[in-house]
Amino acid sequence: MKGKLKRWGREALVMAVIFITIVVLMDLWRAPKMPTSFDSTAFHTLDGQQVTLQALSEERPLLLYFWASWCGVCRYTTPSVAQLVGEGENVMTIALRSGAPQEVNRWLGQKKVQLPVINDASGELSRNWQIGVTPTIVVLYKGEVVSSTTGWTTLWGMKLRLWWASL
């Protein structure tokens, strides 16, 4: 019995290492590329504020969340991002090809979430970043990309990335 548990533990460890390796390699392969001068480009949020990523990420790490109203996985990640916003974390989101501002606001209202949103109705911003997967989460600090990940991410995964960037 003890031998079986030991063997099972080793197999579980090997599987965990393989899984983590695959996830890290996929993130590296799908990592977005920040366009030149994108950090200093002014954007308008749905609520009319003018922002730059450089200014937003200057004092503390910024979680930049690329999402879409049509993205199935985003419905699991968006509530966690909204929770971060509610906790006062530094967050900006970009709605990728999700319609006119009224449609994005309607979608947010239906989901009962409040997010700061830059609307990328045409998908041009996301194309410039080479975003190929939604959701994509990028952590910026002082205008530089610190980390990124694609697909579903836990609340604690996002918090850890923000904490790590601040070190």
C-alpha atoms as a PDB file:
ATOM      1  CA  MET A   1       0.000   0.000   0.000  1.00  0.00           C
ATOM      2  CA  LYS A   2       2.792   2.418   0.908  1.00  0.00           C
ATOM      3  CA  GLY A   3       4.591   1.657  -2.374  1.00  0.00           C
ATOM      4  CA  LYS A   4       1.450   2.411  -4.385  1.00  0.00           C
ATOM      5  CA  LEU A   5       1.026   5.783  -2.670  1.00  0.00           C
ATOM      6  CA  LYS A   6       4.653   6.650  -3.304  1.00  0.00           C
ATOM      7  CA  ARG A   7       4.379   5.686  -6.978  1.00  0.00           C
ATOM      8  CA  TRP A   8       1.089   7.587  -7.335  1.00  0.00           C
ATOM      9  CA  GLY A   9       2.704  10.661  -5.736  1.00  0.00           C
ATOM     10  CA  ARG A  10       5.631  10.529  -8.178  1.00  0.00           C
ATOM     11  CA  GLU A  11       3.285  10.167 -11.140  1.00  0.00           C
ATOM     12  CA  ALA A  12       1.175  13.088  -9.925  1.00  0.00           C
ATOM     13  CA  LEU A  13       4.303  15.211  -9.529  1.00  0.00           C
ATOM     14  CA  VAL A  14       5.500  14.346 -13.044  1.00  0.00           C
ATOM     15  CA  MET A  15       2.061  15.172 -14.479  1.00  0.00           C
ATOM     16  CA  ALA A  16       2.012  18.504 -12.604  1.00  0.00           C
ATOM     17  CA  VAL A  17       5.460  19.423 -13.953  1.00  0.00           C
ATOM     18  CA  ILE A  18       4.393  18.506 -17.499  1.00  0.00           C
ATOM     19  CA  PHE A  19       1.168  20.532 -17.162  1.00  0.00           C
ATOM     20  CA  ILE A  20       2.965  23.614 -15.792  1.00  0.00           C
ATOM     21  CA  THR A  21       5.601  23.367 -18.532  1.00  0.00           C
ATOM     22  CA  ILE A  22       2.911  23.244 -21.231  1.00  0.00           C
ATOM     23  CA  VAL A  23       1.059  26.231 -19.733  1.00  0.00           C
ATOM     24  CA  VAL A  24       4.256  28.308 -19.517  1.00  0.00           C
ATOM     25  CA  LEU A  25       5.272  27.411 -23.079  1.00  0.00           C
ATOM     26  CA  MET A  26       1.799  28.287 -24.404  1.00  0.00           C
ATOM     27  CA  ASP A  27       1.916  31.653 -22.623  1.00  0.00           C
ATOM     28  CA  LEU A  28       5.337  32.370 -24.115  1.00  0.00           C
ATOM     29  CA  TRP A  29       4.148  31.375 -27.587  1.00  0.00           C
ATOM     30  CA  ARG A  30       0.960  33.482 -27.386  1.00  0.00           C
ATOM     31  CA  ALA A  31       2.541  36.414 -25.533  1.00  0.00           C
ATOM     32  CA  PRO A  32       1.301  39.743 -26.863  1.00  0.00           C
ATOM     33  CA  LYS A  33       3.765  42.329 -28.124  1.00  0.00           C
ATOM     34  CA  MET A  34       3.301  45.910 -26.956  1.00  0.00           C
ATOM     35  CA  PRO A  35       3.311  48.193 -30.001  1.00  0.00           C
ATOM     36  CA  THR A  36       5.837  51.012 -30.172  1.00  0.00           C
ATOM     37  CA  SER A  37       4.624  54.115 -28.300  1.00  0.00           C
ATOM     38  CA  PHE A  38       1.441  52.304 -27.259  1.00  0.00           C
ATOM     39  CA  ASP A  39       2.216  53.072 -23.628  1.00  0.00           C
ATOM     40  CA  SER A  40       2.000  56.832 -24.309  1.00  0.00           C
ATOM     41  CA  THR A  41      -1.004  56.716 -26.676  1.00  0.00           C
ATOM     42  CA  ALA A  42      -4.095  58.385 -25.209  1.00  0.00           C
ATOM     43  CA  PHE A  43      -7.287  56.323 -25.068  1.00  0.00           C
ATOM     44  CA  HIS A  44     -10.821  57.151 -23.985  1.00  0.00           C
ATOM     45  CA  THR A  45     -12.729  54.869 -21.656  1.00  0.00           C
ATOM     46  CA  LEU A  46     -16.454  54.255 -21.952  1.00  0.00           C
ATOM     47  CA  ASP A  47     -17.041  56.732 -19.127  1.00  0.00           C
ATOM     48  CA  GLY A  48     -15.133  59.462 -21.013  1.00  0.00           C
ATOM     49  CA  GLN A  49     -11.810  59.466 -19.166  1.00  0.00           C
ATOM     50  CA  GLN A  50      -8.617  59.953 -21.172  1.00  0.00           C
ATOM     51  CA  VAL A  51      -5.883  57.519 -20.094  1.00  0.00           C
ATOM     52  CA  THR A  52      -2.425  56.318 -21.131  1.00  0.00           C
ATOM     53  CA  LEU A  53      -0.990  52.973 -20.132  1.00  0.00           C
ATOM     54  CA  GLN A  54       2.276  54.669 -19.163  1.00  0.00           C
ATOM     55  CA  ALA A  55       0.504  56.910 -16.644  1.00  0.00           C
ATOM     56  CA  LEU A  56      -1.707  54.108 -15.322  1.00  0.00           C
ATOM     57  CA  SER A  57       1.277  51.809 -14.756  1.00  0.00           C
ATOM     58  CA  GLU A  58       3.743  54.388 -13.440  1.00  0.00           C
ATOM     59  CA  GLU A  59       3.168  54.081  -9.681  1.00  0.00           C
ATOM     60  CA  ARG A  60       1.929  50.498  -9.409  1.00  0.00           C
ATOM     61  CA  PRO A  61       1.475  47.512 -11.713  1.00  0.00           C
ATOM     62  CA  LEU A  62      -1.474  47.649 -14.097  1.00  0.00           C
ATOM     63  CA  LEU A  63      -3.513  44.591 -15.027  1.00  0.00           C
ATOM     64  CA  LEU A  64      -4.571  45.053 -18.660  1.00  0.00           C
ATOM     65  CA  TYR A  65      -7.407  42.666 -19.517  1.00  0.00           C
ATOM     66  CA  PHE A  66      -8.290  41.986 -23.177  1.00  0.00           C
ATOM     67  CA  TRP A  67     -11.755  40.434 -23.340  1.00  0.00           C
ATOM     68  CA  ALA A  68     -14.794  40.139 -25.594  1.00  0.00           C
ATOM     69  CA  SER A  69     -18.521  39.909 -24.977  1.00  0.00           C
ATOM     70  CA  TRP A  70     -18.645  36.889 -27.322  1.00  0.00           C
ATOM     71  CA  CYS A  71     -15.791  35.056 -25.523  1.00  0.00           C
ATOM     72  CA  GLY A  72     -17.011  31.996 -23.634  1.00  0.00           C
ATOM     73  CA  VAL A  73     -14.021  31.793 -21.290  1.00  0.00           C
ATOM     74  CA  CYS A  74     -14.231  35.527 -20.485  1.00  0.00           C
ATOM     75  CA  ARG A  75     -17.493  34.962 -18.622  1.00  0.00           C
ATOM     76  CA  TYR A  76     -15.465  33.044 -16.010  1.00  0.00           C
ATOM     77  CA  THR A  77     -12.550  35.498 -15.844  1.00  0.00           C
ATOM     78  CA  THR A  78     -14.451  38.804 -15.985  1.00  0.00           C
ATOM     79  CA  PRO A  79     -16.044  38.484 -12.504  1.00  0.00           C
ATOM     80  CA  SER A  80     -12.575  38.011 -10.987  1.00  0.00           C
ATOM     81  CA  VAL A  81     -11.296  41.087 -12.842  1.00  0.00           C
ATOM     82  CA  ALA A  82     -14.334  43.021 -11.579  1.00  0.00           C
ATOM     83  CA  GLN A  83     -13.522  41.853  -8.044  1.00  0.00           C
ATOM     84  CA  LEU A  84      -9.988  43.224  -8.440  1.00  0.00           C
ATOM     85  CA  VAL A  85     -11.473  46.560  -9.529  1.00  0.00           C
ATOM     86  CA  GLY A  86     -13.758  46.507  -6.489  1.00  0.00           C
ATOM     87  CA  GLU A  87     -10.761  45.859  -4.241  1.00  0.00           C
ATOM     88  CA  GLY A  88      -9.022  48.948  -5.629  1.00  0.00           C
ATOM     89  CA  GLU A  89      -6.438  47.156  -7.769  1.00  0.00           C
ATOM     90  CA  ASN A  90      -5.021  48.978 -10.793  1.00  0.00           C
ATOM     91  CA  VAL A  91      -6.993  47.551 -13.732  1.00  0.00           C
ATOM     92  CA  MET A  92      -7.859  48.644 -17.274  1.00  0.00           C
ATOM     93  CA  THR A  93      -9.795  46.477 -19.712  1.00  0.00           C
ATOM     94  CA  ILE A  94     -10.045  46.451 -23.492  1.00  0.00           C
ATOM     95  CA  ALA A  95     -13.260  45.135 -25.039  1.00  0.00           C
ATOM     96  CA  LEU A  96     -12.287  43.450 -28.303  1.00  0.00           C
ATOM     97  CA  ARG A  97     -14.802  43.643 -31.179  1.00  0.00           C
ATOM     98  CA  SER A  98     -17.736  43.692 -28.772  1.00  0.00           C
ATOM     99  CA  GLY A  99     -19.804  46.352 -30.527  1.00  0.00           C
ATOM    100  CA  ALA A 100     -20.573  50.011 -30.007  1.00  0.00           C
ATOM    101  CA  PRO A 101     -20.125  51.574 -26.556  1.00  0.00           C
ATOM    102  CA  GLN A 102     -23.842  51.152 -25.806  1.00  0.00           C
ATOM    103  CA  GLU A 103     -23.640  47.430 -26.538  1.00  0.00           C
ATOM    104  CA  VAL A 104     -20.579  46.984 -24.313  1.00  0.00           C
ATOM    105  CA  ASN A 105     -22.291  48.914 -21.487  1.00  0.00           C
ATOM    106  CA  ARG A 106     -25.430  46.807 -21.923  1.00  0.00           C
ATOM    107  CA  TRP A 107     -23.355  43.587 -21.737  1.00  0.00           C
ATOM    108  CA  LEU A 108     -21.588  44.810 -18.569  1.00  0.00           C
ATOM    109  CA  GLY A 109     -24.977  45.681 -17.042  1.00  0.00           C
ATOM    110  CA  GLN A 110     -26.400  42.253 -17.857  1.00  0.00           C
ATOM    111  CA  LYS A 111     -23.384  40.608 -16.213  1.00  0.00           C
ATOM    112  CA  LYS A 112     -23.647  43.023 -13.255  1.00  0.00           C
ATOM    113  CA  VAL A 113     -19.971  44.006 -13.414  1.00  0.00           C
ATOM    114  CA  GLN A 114     -18.307  47.395 -13.379  1.00  0.00           C
ATOM    115  CA  LEU A 115     -15.052  47.690 -15.266  1.00  0.00           C
ATOM    116  CA  PRO A 116     -12.990  50.534 -16.686  1.00  0.00           C
ATOM    117  CA  VAL A 117     -13.215  49.821 -20.432  1.00  0.00           C
ATOM    118  CA  ILE A 118     -11.454  50.999 -23.560  1.00  0.00           C
ATOM    119  CA  ASN A 119     -13.700  49.921 -26.420  1.00  0.00           C
ATOM    120  CA  ASP A 120     -11.804  48.304 -29.301  1.00  0.00           C
ATOM    121  CA  ALA A 121     -14.833  47.960 -31.576  1.00  0.00           C
ATOM    122  CA  SER A 122     -12.784  47.439 -34.744  1.00  0.00           C
ATOM    123  CA  GLY A 123     -10.177  45.186 -33.131  1.00  0.00           C
ATOM    124  CA  GLU A 124      -7.329  47.480 -34.227  1.00  0.00           C
ATOM    125  CA  LEU A 125      -5.856  47.923 -30.740  1.00  0.00           C
ATOM    126  CA  SER A 126      -5.843  44.195 -30.138  1.00  0.00           C
ATOM    127  CA  ARG A 127      -4.331  43.534 -33.566  1.00  0.00           C
ATOM    128  CA  ASN A 128      -1.542  46.002 -32.773  1.00  0.00           C
ATOM    129  CA  TRP A 129      -0.824  44.005 -29.605  1.00  0.00           C
ATOM    130  CA  GLN A 130      -1.001  40.737 -31.627  1.00  0.00           C
ATOM    131  CA  ILE A 131      -3.748  39.397 -29.372  1.00  0.00           C
ATOM    132  CA  GLY A 132      -4.811  36.046 -30.774  1.00  0.00           C
ATOM    133  CA  VAL A 133      -6.706  34.634 -27.785  1.00  0.00           C
ATOM    134  CA  THR A 134      -9.302  36.018 -25.399  1.00  0.00           C
ATOM    135  CA  PRO A 135      -9.047  36.494 -22.570  1.00  0.00           C
ATOM    136  CA  THR A 136      -5.492  37.789 -22.473  1.00  0.00           C
ATOM    137  CA  ILE A 137      -4.079  39.370 -19.331  1.00  0.00           C
ATOM    138  CA  VAL A 138      -1.009  41.589 -19.481  1.00  0.00           C
ATOM    139  CA  VAL A 139       0.665  43.119 -16.441  1.00  0.00           C
ATOM    140  CA  LEU A 140       2.452  46.412 -17.111  1.00  0.00           C
ATOM    141  CA  TYR A 141       4.699  48.317 -14.745  1.00  0.00           C
ATOM    142  CA  LYS A 142       6.231  51.676 -15.637  1.00  0.00           C
ATOM    143  CA  GLY A 143       5.043  51.217 -19.225  1.00  0.00           C
ATOM    144  CA  GLU A 144       6.767  47.844 -19.684  1.00  0.00           C
ATOM    145  CA  VAL A 145       5.218  44.385 -20.068  1.00  0.00           C
ATOM    146  CA  VAL A 146       6.112  42.355 -16.965  1.00  0.00           C
ATOM    147  CA  SER A 147       4.031  39.236 -17.618  1.00  0.00           C
ATOM    148  CA  SER A 148       1.148  37.913 -19.670  1.00  0.00           C
ATOM    149  CA  THR A 149      -1.137  34.932 -19.810  1.00  0.00           C
ATOM    150  CA  THR A 150      -4.009  33.756 -21.977  1.00  0.00           C
ATOM    151  CA  GLY A 151      -7.143  31.810 -21.227  1.00  0.00           C
ATOM    152  CA  TRP A 152      -8.864  31.368 -17.899  1.00  0.00           C
ATOM    153  CA  THR A 153      -6.987  32.732 -14.905  1.00  0.00           C
ATOM    154  CA  THR A 154      -7.952  32.625 -11.251  1.00  0.00           C
ATOM    155  CA  LEU A 155      -8.373  35.679  -9.055  1.00  0.00           C
ATOM    156  CA  TRP A 156      -5.329  34.597  -7.055  1.00  0.00           C
ATOM    157  CA  GLY A 157      -3.340  34.076 -10.240  1.00  0.00           C
ATOM    158  CA  MET A 158      -4.012  37.693 -11.192  1.00  0.00           C
ATOM    159  CA  LYS A 159      -3.223  38.949  -7.684  1.00  0.00           C
ATOM    160  CA  LEU A 160       0.065  37.037  -7.682  1.00  0.00           C
ATOM    161  CA  ARG A 161       1.052  38.485 -11.050  1.00  0.00           C
ATOM    162  CA  LEU A 162       0.382  42.024  -9.785  1.00  0.00           C
ATOM    163  CA  TRP A 163       2.315  41.346  -6.593  1.00  0.00           C
ATOM    164  CA  TRP A 164       5.235  39.800  -8.496  1.00  0.00           C
ATOM    165  CA  ALA A 165       5.413  42.811 -10.831  1.00  0.00           C
ATOM    166  CA  SER A 166       5.724  45.174  -7.874  1.00  0.00           C
ATOM    167  CA  LEU A 167       8.853  43.440  -6.521  1.00  0.00           C
END
